[in-house]
Amino acid sequence: MKKVAVIDLGTNTFNLLIAELPEKGKHHIIYNTQVPAKIGEKAINENKIIPAAFERGVQCLKDMKGIIGEYNVDEIFAFGTSALRGASNGKEFAAIVKEETGITIHIIDGHREAELIYTGVQLAFPCDEKLKLVLDVGGGSNEFIIGNKDKVFWSQSFNLGVARLLYKFNPSNPMKAEEIQQIESYLSKELQPLWDAIEKFPIHDLIGCAGCFSSFHEMVSAQNNTPLNEKSTWEKIPMEGFKKIHNILLPSSYEERLEMEGLVFMRADMIVIGTILVNLVLEKVHIHNLYLSKYALKEGVLNEIASGKI
């Protein structure tokens, strides 16, 4: 039985998944973790990785290589996304990681990132003929995909990730009403290609991938005293539950968010930007149903490995 490791090097978080791939049958995930590497810290909008983030990212991958070694993995697949593809020293980062860990990082473009995300979502969620909008909110970029079980009809990667927006607007703590309005106006303008696509491909369901959507789900569950289902691959997030969390997050301070049940510390600094983005999409597109997919890019990669496409 083959064992593989998949590493998704996001702008905020490095994700590691280790799985067993039998010759026949479904893969089995044996290890899954995420680490707040935050390689987009401070200078993502200047298209560079600052020395502290550079060093932190390399060390994170050294640590992951140690974990991978404990599981006797046969092959490692590592993919760099927005922060690495946009950074002037992204290739240098990949070269040093290769030299110090032996891990080869494949830096992919936004189209390929969206493709892998959608593959992961299809594995998690019972897609049918109805068109759905998939959204992966990242630190450096956001991937929007419109598709059904058969094909992708439209997709685009926007450099509007929560880290980029946070460092661009540098809002107060807590955020002021005029700062929220400023961010909403900026997003509304920059997402015009999405609004145009929705006119052509109308949808009423939004599937959010992991990240802040996991926090929304966990916070809603905490509010409702609903136990989490660790075995599920997707969840429905009640619209009224999201709205309640949205209204709690908007006026909150960073210190208050650190104490909120269901919100992990690594998302406390950027979750307000995330909820502004998601709420804007829900309102502009008139979404009826909101879902969480627990699978995204790394599960899409795993599927392509299992099917021999990679």
Protein backbone atom coordinates (compact mmCIF):
# COMPACT_ATOMS: atom_id res chain seq x y z
CA MET A 1 0.00 0.00 0.00
CA LYS A 2 1.38 3.38 -1.05
CA LYS A 3 1.60 6.26 1.44
CA VAL A 4 1.67 9.86 0.22
CA ALA A 5 1.92 13.26 1.86
CA VAL A 6 0.22 16.33 0.41
CA ILE A 7 1.29 19.81 1.54
CA ASP A 8 -0.78 22.89 0.69
CA LEU A 9 1.37 25.97 1.27
CA GLY A 10 -1.20 28.70 1.78
CA THR A 11 -0.51 32.35 2.53
CA ASN A 12 -1.59 32.02 6.17
CA THR A 13 -1.58 28.28 6.77
CA PHE A 14 0.53 25.32 5.72
CA ASN A 15 -1.63 22.18 5.57
CA LEU A 16 -0.27 18.64 5.72
CA LEU A 17 -2.25 15.53 4.85
CA ILE A 18 -0.88 11.97 4.89
CA ALA A 19 -2.91 9.16 3.36
CA GLU A 20 -2.74 5.51 2.42
CA LEU A 21 -3.64 4.66 -1.17
CA PRO A 22 -4.72 1.04 -1.64
CA GLU A 23 -4.55 -0.44 -5.13
CA LYS A 24 -8.33 -0.70 -5.03
CA GLY A 25 -10.85 1.20 -2.96
CA LYS A 26 -10.92 4.57 -1.27
CA HIS A 27 -7.86 6.31 0.19
CA HIS A 28 -7.51 6.47 3.96
CA ILE A 29 -6.32 9.67 5.65
CA ILE A 30 -4.03 8.85 8.56
CA TYR A 31 -2.74 12.32 9.48
CA ASN A 32 -4.05 15.84 8.93
CA THR A 33 -2.80 19.10 10.44
CA GLN A 34 -2.45 22.82 9.77
CA VAL A 35 0.16 25.28 10.97
CA PRO A 36 -0.08 29.11 10.89
CA ALA A 37 3.10 29.72 8.90
CA LYS A 38 1.84 33.16 7.73
CA ILE A 39 4.37 33.64 4.95
CA GLY A 40 2.30 36.57 3.67
CA GLU A 41 2.95 38.54 6.86
CA LYS A 42 3.18 42.33 6.37
CA ALA A 43 4.59 42.39 2.83
CA ILE A 44 2.25 40.26 0.72
CA ASN A 45 1.02 43.36 -1.11
CA GLU A 46 4.64 44.25 -1.87
CA ASN A 47 5.04 40.78 -3.40
CA LYS A 48 7.72 39.51 -1.08
CA ILE A 49 8.21 37.21 1.88
CA ILE A 50 9.86 39.08 4.74
CA PRO A 51 12.86 37.38 6.46
CA ALA A 52 10.95 36.36 9.61
CA ALA A 53 8.13 34.78 7.57
CA PHE A 54 10.66 33.19 5.20
CA GLU A 55 12.49 31.54 8.11
CA ARG A 56 9.22 30.51 9.79
CA GLY A 57 7.96 28.89 6.58
CA VAL A 58 11.17 26.92 6.04
CA GLN A 59 11.16 25.73 9.66
CA CYS A 60 7.52 24.70 9.34
CA LEU A 61 8.39 22.49 6.36
CA LYS A 62 11.36 21.03 8.22
CA ASP A 63 8.96 20.08 11.02
CA MET A 64 6.52 18.59 8.54
CA LYS A 65 9.30 16.60 6.91
CA GLY A 66 10.04 15.11 10.34
CA ILE A 67 6.39 14.09 10.77
CA ILE A 68 6.31 12.64 7.26
CA GLY A 69 9.41 10.57 8.09
CA GLU A 70 7.61 9.00 11.05
CA TYR A 71 4.90 7.67 8.73
CA ASN A 72 7.30 6.12 6.18
CA VAL A 73 5.74 8.07 3.31
CA ASP A 74 6.63 6.98 -0.23
CA GLU A 75 6.16 10.33 -1.99
CA ILE A 76 5.57 14.00 -1.10
CA PHE A 77 3.47 16.41 -3.17
CA ALA A 78 3.77 20.08 -2.18
CA PHE A 79 1.87 22.95 -3.82
CA GLY A 80 2.48 26.67 -3.37
CA THR A 81 -0.36 29.11 -4.00
CA SER A 82 -0.93 32.88 -3.93
CA ALA A 83 1.85 34.13 -1.63
CA LEU A 84 4.53 32.03 -3.30
CA ARG A 85 3.44 32.62 -6.88
CA GLY A 86 3.28 36.37 -6.30
CA ALA A 87 6.44 36.82 -4.22
CA SER A 88 9.63 38.03 -5.89
CA ASN A 89 11.51 35.61 -3.61
CA GLY A 90 9.00 32.76 -3.95
CA LYS A 91 11.32 30.71 -6.15
CA GLU A 92 14.17 31.35 -3.72
CA PHE A 93 11.96 30.03 -0.90
CA ALA A 94 11.20 26.89 -2.93
CA ALA A 95 14.90 26.38 -3.69
CA ILE A 96 15.95 26.65 -0.03
CA VAL A 97 13.16 24.28 1.03
CA LYS A 98 14.37 21.79 -1.59
CA GLU A 99 17.97 22.13 -0.37
CA GLU A 100 17.15 21.81 3.34
CA THR A 101 14.27 19.29 3.29
CA GLY A 102 14.31 17.59 -0.09
CA ILE A 103 10.71 18.70 -0.67
CA THR A 104 9.94 19.97 -4.18
CA ILE A 105 7.36 22.77 -4.16
CA HIS A 106 5.19 23.12 -7.28
CA ILE A 107 4.02 26.74 -7.49
CA ILE A 108 0.66 26.70 -9.28
CA ASP A 109 -1.40 29.44 -10.90
CA GLY A 110 -4.88 30.49 -9.80
CA HIS A 111 -6.65 28.46 -12.49
CA ARG A 112 -4.94 25.24 -11.41
CA GLU A 113 -5.62 26.07 -7.77
CA ALA A 114 -9.34 26.50 -8.49
CA GLU A 115 -9.38 23.22 -10.44
CA LEU A 116 -7.89 21.26 -7.53
CA ILE A 117 -10.21 22.94 -5.03
CA TYR A 118 -13.28 22.01 -7.08
CA THR A 119 -12.10 18.41 -7.35
CA GLY A 120 -11.81 18.30 -3.56
CA VAL A 121 -15.27 19.79 -3.09
CA GLN A 122 -16.83 17.25 -5.43
CA LEU A 123 -15.40 14.48 -3.26
CA ALA A 124 -16.92 16.01 -0.13
CA PHE A 125 -20.26 17.35 -1.29
CA PRO A 126 -23.13 15.55 -3.12
CA CYS A 127 -23.04 17.69 -6.26
CA ASP A 128 -25.86 17.29 -8.80
CA GLU A 129 -26.97 18.98 -12.02
CA LYS A 130 -27.73 22.28 -10.27
CA LEU A 131 -25.10 24.98 -10.58
CA LYS A 132 -23.38 25.93 -7.35
CA LEU A 133 -20.87 28.61 -6.40
CA VAL A 134 -17.75 27.37 -4.63
CA LEU A 135 -15.63 29.83 -2.66
CA ASP A 136 -12.23 29.19 -1.10
CA VAL A 137 -11.25 32.16 1.06
CA GLY A 138 -7.47 32.24 1.30
CA GLY A 139 -4.92 34.59 2.76
CA GLY A 140 -3.55 35.72 -0.58
CA SER A 141 -6.32 34.93 -3.03
CA ASN A 142 -9.94 33.83 -3.20
CA GLU A 143 -11.03 31.20 -5.71
CA PHE A 144 -14.58 31.38 -7.07
CA ILE A 145 -15.91 28.48 -9.13
CA ILE A 146 -19.33 27.92 -10.71
CA GLY A 147 -20.05 24.31 -11.63
CA ASN A 148 -22.11 21.18 -11.18
CA LYS A 149 -21.30 17.47 -10.94
CA ASP A 150 -20.29 17.34 -14.61
CA LYS A 151 -18.14 20.39 -15.27
CA VAL A 152 -16.87 23.82 -14.28
CA PHE A 153 -18.65 26.60 -16.18
CA TRP A 154 -16.62 29.52 -14.85
CA SER A 155 -13.79 30.12 -12.38
CA GLN A 156 -11.50 32.95 -11.39
CA SER A 157 -8.85 33.60 -8.78
CA PHE A 158 -8.91 37.08 -7.22
CA ASN A 159 -5.99 38.57 -5.28
CA LEU A 160 -8.40 39.55 -2.52
CA GLY A 161 -7.32 37.18 0.22
CA VAL A 162 -7.91 38.14 3.84
CA ALA A 163 -4.21 38.80 4.53
CA ARG A 164 -3.91 41.08 1.50
CA LEU A 165 -7.00 43.01 2.57
CA LEU A 166 -5.93 43.24 6.20
CA TYR A 167 -2.52 44.71 5.31
CA LYS A 168 -3.99 46.93 2.59
CA PHE A 169 -6.62 48.59 4.81
CA ASN A 170 -4.94 48.16 8.22
CA PRO A 171 -8.25 48.69 10.04
CA SER A 172 -8.73 49.73 13.65
CA ASN A 173 -9.21 47.28 16.51
CA PRO A 174 -12.18 46.92 16.65
CA MET A 175 -13.03 47.86 13.07
CA LYS A 176 -14.92 51.13 12.58
CA ALA A 177 -18.16 51.30 10.58
CA GLU A 178 -16.58 53.49 7.90
CA GLU A 179 -13.69 51.02 7.52
CA ILE A 180 -16.14 48.16 7.02
CA GLN A 181 -17.96 50.20 4.38
CA GLN A 182 -14.68 51.02 2.66
CA ILE A 183 -13.72 47.34 2.45
CA GLU A 184 -17.19 46.37 1.19
CA SER A 185 -17.05 49.04 -1.53
CA TYR A 186 -13.60 47.91 -2.64
CA LEU A 187 -14.65 44.26 -2.78
CA SER A 188 -17.87 45.05 -4.62
CA LYS A 189 -15.90 46.82 -7.35
CA GLU A 190 -13.08 44.27 -7.60
CA LEU A 191 -15.51 41.32 -7.79
CA GLN A 192 -17.35 42.69 -10.83
CA PRO A 193 -16.28 39.67 -12.97
CA LEU A 194 -18.04 37.43 -10.42
CA TRP A 195 -21.25 39.49 -10.53
CA ASP A 196 -21.15 39.28 -14.35
CA ALA A 197 -20.65 35.50 -14.22
CA ILE A 198 -23.63 35.10 -11.88
CA GLU A 199 -25.79 36.92 -14.43
CA LYS A 200 -24.79 34.31 -16.99
CA PHE A 201 -24.85 31.32 -14.63
CA PRO A 202 -27.47 31.95 -11.90
CA ILE A 203 -26.92 30.07 -8.65
CA HIS A 204 -28.54 29.98 -5.22
CA ASP A 205 -26.19 27.70 -3.28
CA LEU A 206 -22.73 28.62 -1.95
CA ILE A 207 -20.22 25.99 -0.83
CA GLY A 208 -17.39 27.43 1.25
CA CYS A 209 -14.15 25.49 1.62
CA ALA A 210 -12.60 24.91 5.04
CA GLY A 211 -10.72 27.98 6.41
CA CYS A 212 -13.01 30.65 7.79
CA PHE A 213 -16.07 28.61 6.76
CA SER A 214 -14.99 25.95 9.26
CA SER A 215 -14.91 28.68 11.90
CA PHE A 216 -18.36 29.94 10.90
CA HIS A 217 -19.74 26.41 11.22
CA GLU A 218 -18.03 25.77 14.55
CA MET A 219 -19.13 29.13 15.96
CA VAL A 220 -22.74 28.56 14.89
CA SER A 221 -22.61 25.07 16.43
CA ALA A 222 -21.27 26.54 19.68
CA GLN A 223 -24.04 29.15 19.72
CA ASN A 224 -26.67 26.43 19.22
CA ASN A 225 -24.98 23.89 21.53
CA THR A 226 -24.88 21.47 18.60
CA PRO A 227 -22.14 18.79 18.70
CA LEU A 228 -19.72 18.70 15.78
CA ASN A 229 -19.72 15.69 13.47
CA GLU A 230 -16.04 14.91 12.96
CA LYS A 231 -16.80 12.18 10.38
CA SER A 232 -18.83 14.32 7.99
CA THR A 233 -17.23 15.76 4.85
CA TRP A 234 -19.72 18.64 4.52
CA GLU A 235 -22.20 20.58 6.63
CA LYS A 236 -25.06 23.00 6.06
CA ILE A 237 -24.52 26.35 7.79
CA PRO A 238 -27.90 27.88 8.71
CA MET A 239 -28.19 31.29 7.09
CA GLU A 240 -29.63 32.86 10.24
CA GLY A 241 -26.76 31.31 12.22
CA PHE A 242 -24.17 32.85 9.91
CA LYS A 243 -25.88 36.26 10.10
CA LYS A 244 -25.81 36.10 13.89
CA ILE A 245 -22.08 35.27 13.91
CA HIS A 246 -21.43 37.96 11.30
CA ASN A 247 -23.08 40.58 13.52
CA ILE A 248 -21.06 39.39 16.53
CA LEU A 249 -17.76 39.48 14.65
CA LEU A 250 -18.09 42.90 12.97
CA PRO A 251 -17.83 45.07 16.13
CA SER A 252 -15.51 42.70 18.01
CA SER A 253 -11.92 43.39 19.04
CA TYR A 254 -9.08 40.97 18.41
CA GLU A 255 -8.89 40.26 22.16
CA GLU A 256 -12.61 39.45 22.27
CA ARG A 257 -12.32 37.11 19.30
CA LEU A 258 -9.56 35.14 21.04
CA GLU A 259 -12.16 34.20 23.66
CA MET A 260 -14.94 33.24 21.23
CA GLU A 261 -15.98 29.61 21.30
CA GLY A 262 -15.50 27.85 17.99
CA LEU A 263 -12.93 30.33 16.64
CA VAL A 264 -9.35 29.03 16.54
CA PHE A 265 -6.67 31.56 17.47
CA MET A 266 -4.97 31.45 14.06
CA ARG A 267 -8.04 32.99 12.42
CA ALA A 268 -8.84 35.61 15.07
CA ASP A 269 -6.91 38.38 13.28
CA MET A 270 -8.46 37.93 9.82
CA ILE A 271 -11.93 36.45 10.41
CA VAL A 272 -13.64 39.87 10.32
CA ILE A 273 -12.32 40.49 6.80
CA GLY A 274 -13.52 36.98 5.92
CA THR A 275 -17.04 37.56 7.20
CA ILE A 276 -17.28 40.90 5.37
CA LEU A 277 -16.38 39.15 2.10
CA VAL A 278 -18.72 36.19 2.59
CA ASN A 279 -21.64 38.35 3.72
CA LEU A 280 -21.20 40.60 0.68
CA VAL A 281 -21.35 37.58 -1.66
CA LEU A 282 -24.40 36.16 0.13
CA GLU A 283 -26.27 39.45 -0.25
CA LYS A 284 -25.19 40.38 -3.79
CA VAL A 285 -25.86 36.91 -5.20
CA HIS A 286 -29.02 36.25 -3.15
CA ILE A 287 -27.78 32.93 -1.80
CA HIS A 288 -30.46 30.63 -0.37
CA ASN A 289 -28.27 27.85 1.04
CA LEU A 290 -24.81 28.00 2.61
CA TYR A 291 -22.64 24.90 2.99
CA LEU A 292 -19.21 23.96 4.31
CA SER A 293 -16.98 21.56 2.39
CA LYS A 294 -14.32 20.08 4.63
CA TYR A 295 -12.32 19.09 1.54
CA ALA A 296 -10.46 21.53 -0.68
CA LEU A 297 -7.12 21.69 -2.51
CA LYS A 298 -5.16 18.98 -0.73
CA GLU A 299 -7.99 16.44 -1.08
CA GLY A 300 -8.23 17.37 -4.76
CA VAL A 301 -4.51 16.68 -5.11
CA LEU A 302 -4.94 13.36 -3.30
CA ASN A 303 -7.68 12.35 -5.72
CA GLU A 304 -5.51 13.16 -8.73
CA ILE A 305 -2.66 11.10 -7.25
CA ALA A 306 -4.97 8.15 -6.66
CA SER A 307 -6.35 8.36 -10.20
CA GLY A 308 -2.89 8.66 -11.76
CA LYS A 309 -3.35 12.21 -13.06
CA ILE A 310 -0.38 13.44 -11.03
